[in-house]
Amino acid sequence: MKIYDFNGRKNICGDRIREARLKRRMSQSDLAARMQIEGIQIERDSISRIEIGTRFVPDYELPLFSKVLNVSVEWLLNGE
């Protein structure tokens, strides 16, 4: 499967995931653990790669990031 870049990044939500995580005073390990509780197998290094834009974020992960971080999917995607 070919994964494309958008402006040199593999996702557009990484910055907002980081922003929401820091606002909630969560570590990357805390976020990974919460995502695992929700059923997504993800490790701390994957959270780091998402936040710096080197990891693709599949559509099935977005609603769970939204739920765990208490933000909307729309906000994760475009800040609204």
C-alpha atoms as a PDB file:
ATOM      1  CA  MET A   1       0.000   0.000   0.000  1.00  0.00           C
ATOM      2  CA  LYS A   2       1.362   3.395  -0.972  1.00  0.00           C
ATOM      3  CA  ILE A   3       1.040   6.036   1.723  1.00  0.00           C
ATOM      4  CA  TYR A   4       1.236   9.561   0.401  1.00  0.00           C
ATOM      5  CA  ASP A   5       2.645  12.632   2.040  1.00  0.00           C
ATOM      6  CA  PHE A   6       0.800  15.921   2.372  1.00  0.00           C
ATOM      7  CA  ASN A   7       3.195  18.846   2.654  1.00  0.00           C
ATOM      8  CA  GLY A   8       5.891  16.424   3.796  1.00  0.00           C
ATOM      9  CA  ARG A   9       3.763  14.801   6.501  1.00  0.00           C
ATOM     10  CA  LYS A  10       1.848  11.543   6.652  1.00  0.00           C
ATOM     11  CA  ASN A  11      -1.032  13.045   8.655  1.00  0.00           C
ATOM     12  CA  ILE A  12      -2.714  16.393   9.304  1.00  0.00           C
ATOM     13  CA  CYS A  13      -3.859  15.666  12.851  1.00  0.00           C
ATOM     14  CA  GLY A  14      -0.557  15.092  14.658  1.00  0.00           C
ATOM     15  CA  ASP A  15      -0.103  18.683  15.821  1.00  0.00           C
ATOM     16  CA  ARG A  16      -3.623  18.784  17.250  1.00  0.00           C
ATOM     17  CA  ILE A  17      -3.246  15.399  18.921  1.00  0.00           C
ATOM     18  CA  ARG A  18      -0.136  16.737  20.632  1.00  0.00           C
ATOM     19  CA  GLU A  19      -1.905  19.987  21.574  1.00  0.00           C
ATOM     20  CA  ALA A  20      -4.897  18.159  23.080  1.00  0.00           C
ATOM     21  CA  ARG A  21      -2.654  15.656  24.879  1.00  0.00           C
ATOM     22  CA  LEU A  22      -0.564  18.400  26.482  1.00  0.00           C
ATOM     23  CA  LYS A  23      -3.679  20.378  27.422  1.00  0.00           C
ATOM     24  CA  ARG A  24      -4.857  17.309  29.356  1.00  0.00           C
ATOM     25  CA  ARG A  25      -1.376  16.863  30.888  1.00  0.00           C
ATOM     26  CA  MET A  26      -1.034  13.383  29.437  1.00  0.00           C
ATOM     27  CA  SER A  27       2.259  11.798  28.491  1.00  0.00           C
ATOM     28  CA  GLN A  28       2.617   9.947  25.203  1.00  0.00           C
ATOM     29  CA  SER A  29       2.673   6.723  27.236  1.00  0.00           C
ATOM     30  CA  ASP A  30      -0.582   7.727  28.968  1.00  0.00           C
ATOM     31  CA  LEU A  31      -2.240   8.388  25.610  1.00  0.00           C
ATOM     32  CA  ALA A  32      -1.019   5.067  24.203  1.00  0.00           C
ATOM     33  CA  ALA A  33      -2.371   3.250  27.284  1.00  0.00           C
ATOM     34  CA  ARG A  34      -5.764   4.946  26.954  1.00  0.00           C
ATOM     35  CA  MET A  35      -5.914   4.049  23.265  1.00  0.00           C
ATOM     36  CA  GLN A  36      -5.096   0.436  24.146  1.00  0.00           C
ATOM     37  CA  ILE A  37      -7.975   0.394  26.641  1.00  0.00           C
ATOM     38  CA  GLU A  38     -10.213   1.521  23.755  1.00  0.00           C
ATOM     39  CA  GLY A  39      -9.000  -1.401  21.632  1.00  0.00           C
ATOM     40  CA  ILE A  40      -6.242   0.111  19.477  1.00  0.00           C
ATOM     41  CA  GLN A  41      -2.831  -1.513  19.832  1.00  0.00           C
ATOM     42  CA  ILE A  42      -0.495   1.474  19.748  1.00  0.00           C
ATOM     43  CA  GLU A  43       2.768   2.184  21.538  1.00  0.00           C
ATOM     44  CA  ARG A  44       4.349   5.380  22.836  1.00  0.00           C
ATOM     45  CA  ASP A  45       6.761   5.582  19.892  1.00  0.00           C
ATOM     46  CA  SER A  46       3.795   5.480  17.496  1.00  0.00           C
ATOM     47  CA  ILE A  47       2.223   8.441  19.310  1.00  0.00           C
ATOM     48  CA  SER A  48       5.532  10.282  18.929  1.00  0.00           C
ATOM     49  CA  ARG A  49       5.669   9.524  15.204  1.00  0.00           C
ATOM     50  CA  ILE A  50       2.046  10.663  14.772  1.00  0.00           C
ATOM     51  CA  GLU A  51       2.805  13.948  16.502  1.00  0.00           C
ATOM     52  CA  ILE A  52       5.849  14.669  14.323  1.00  0.00           C
ATOM     53  CA  GLY A  53       4.009  13.585  11.180  1.00  0.00           C
ATOM     54  CA  THR A  54       5.969  10.487  10.200  1.00  0.00           C
ATOM     55  CA  ARG A  55       3.175   7.971  10.891  1.00  0.00           C
ATOM     56  CA  PHE A  56      -0.052   7.615   8.948  1.00  0.00           C
ATOM     57  CA  VAL A  57      -3.240   7.815  11.041  1.00  0.00           C
ATOM     58  CA  PRO A  58      -5.923   5.431   9.737  1.00  0.00           C
ATOM     59  CA  ASP A  59      -9.543   6.542   9.802  1.00  0.00           C
ATOM     60  CA  TYR A  60     -10.510   3.989  12.465  1.00  0.00           C
ATOM     61  CA  GLU A  61      -8.088   5.601  14.950  1.00  0.00           C
ATOM     62  CA  LEU A  62      -9.446   9.152  14.618  1.00  0.00           C
ATOM     63  CA  PRO A  63     -12.717   8.588  16.514  1.00  0.00           C
ATOM     64  CA  LEU A  64     -10.816   6.950  19.362  1.00  0.00           C
ATOM     65  CA  PHE A  65      -8.258   9.753  19.557  1.00  0.00           C
ATOM     66  CA  SER A  66     -11.231  12.101  19.598  1.00  0.00           C
ATOM     67  CA  LYS A  67     -12.897  10.188  22.435  1.00  0.00           C
ATOM     68  CA  VAL A  68      -9.754   9.771  24.553  1.00  0.00           C
ATOM     69  CA  LEU A  69      -8.702  13.411  24.118  1.00  0.00           C
ATOM     70  CA  ASN A  70     -12.269  14.757  24.465  1.00  0.00           C
ATOM     71  CA  VAL A  71     -12.175  16.729  21.216  1.00  0.00           C
ATOM     72  CA  SER A  72     -14.115  16.376  17.976  1.00  0.00           C
ATOM     73  CA  VAL A  73     -12.788  14.563  14.923  1.00  0.00           C
ATOM     74  CA  GLU A  74     -13.388  17.797  13.013  1.00  0.00           C
ATOM     75  CA  TRP A  75     -11.093  19.668  15.399  1.00  0.00           C
ATOM     76  CA  LEU A  76      -8.397  17.017  14.977  1.00  0.00           C
ATOM     77  CA  LEU A  77      -8.618  17.412  11.222  1.00  0.00           C
ATOM     78  CA  ASN A  78      -9.005  21.154  10.784  1.00  0.00           C
ATOM     79  CA  GLY A  79      -9.071  22.931  14.125  1.00  0.00           C
ATOM     80  CA  GLU A  80     -12.782  23.727  14.092  1.00  0.00           C
END
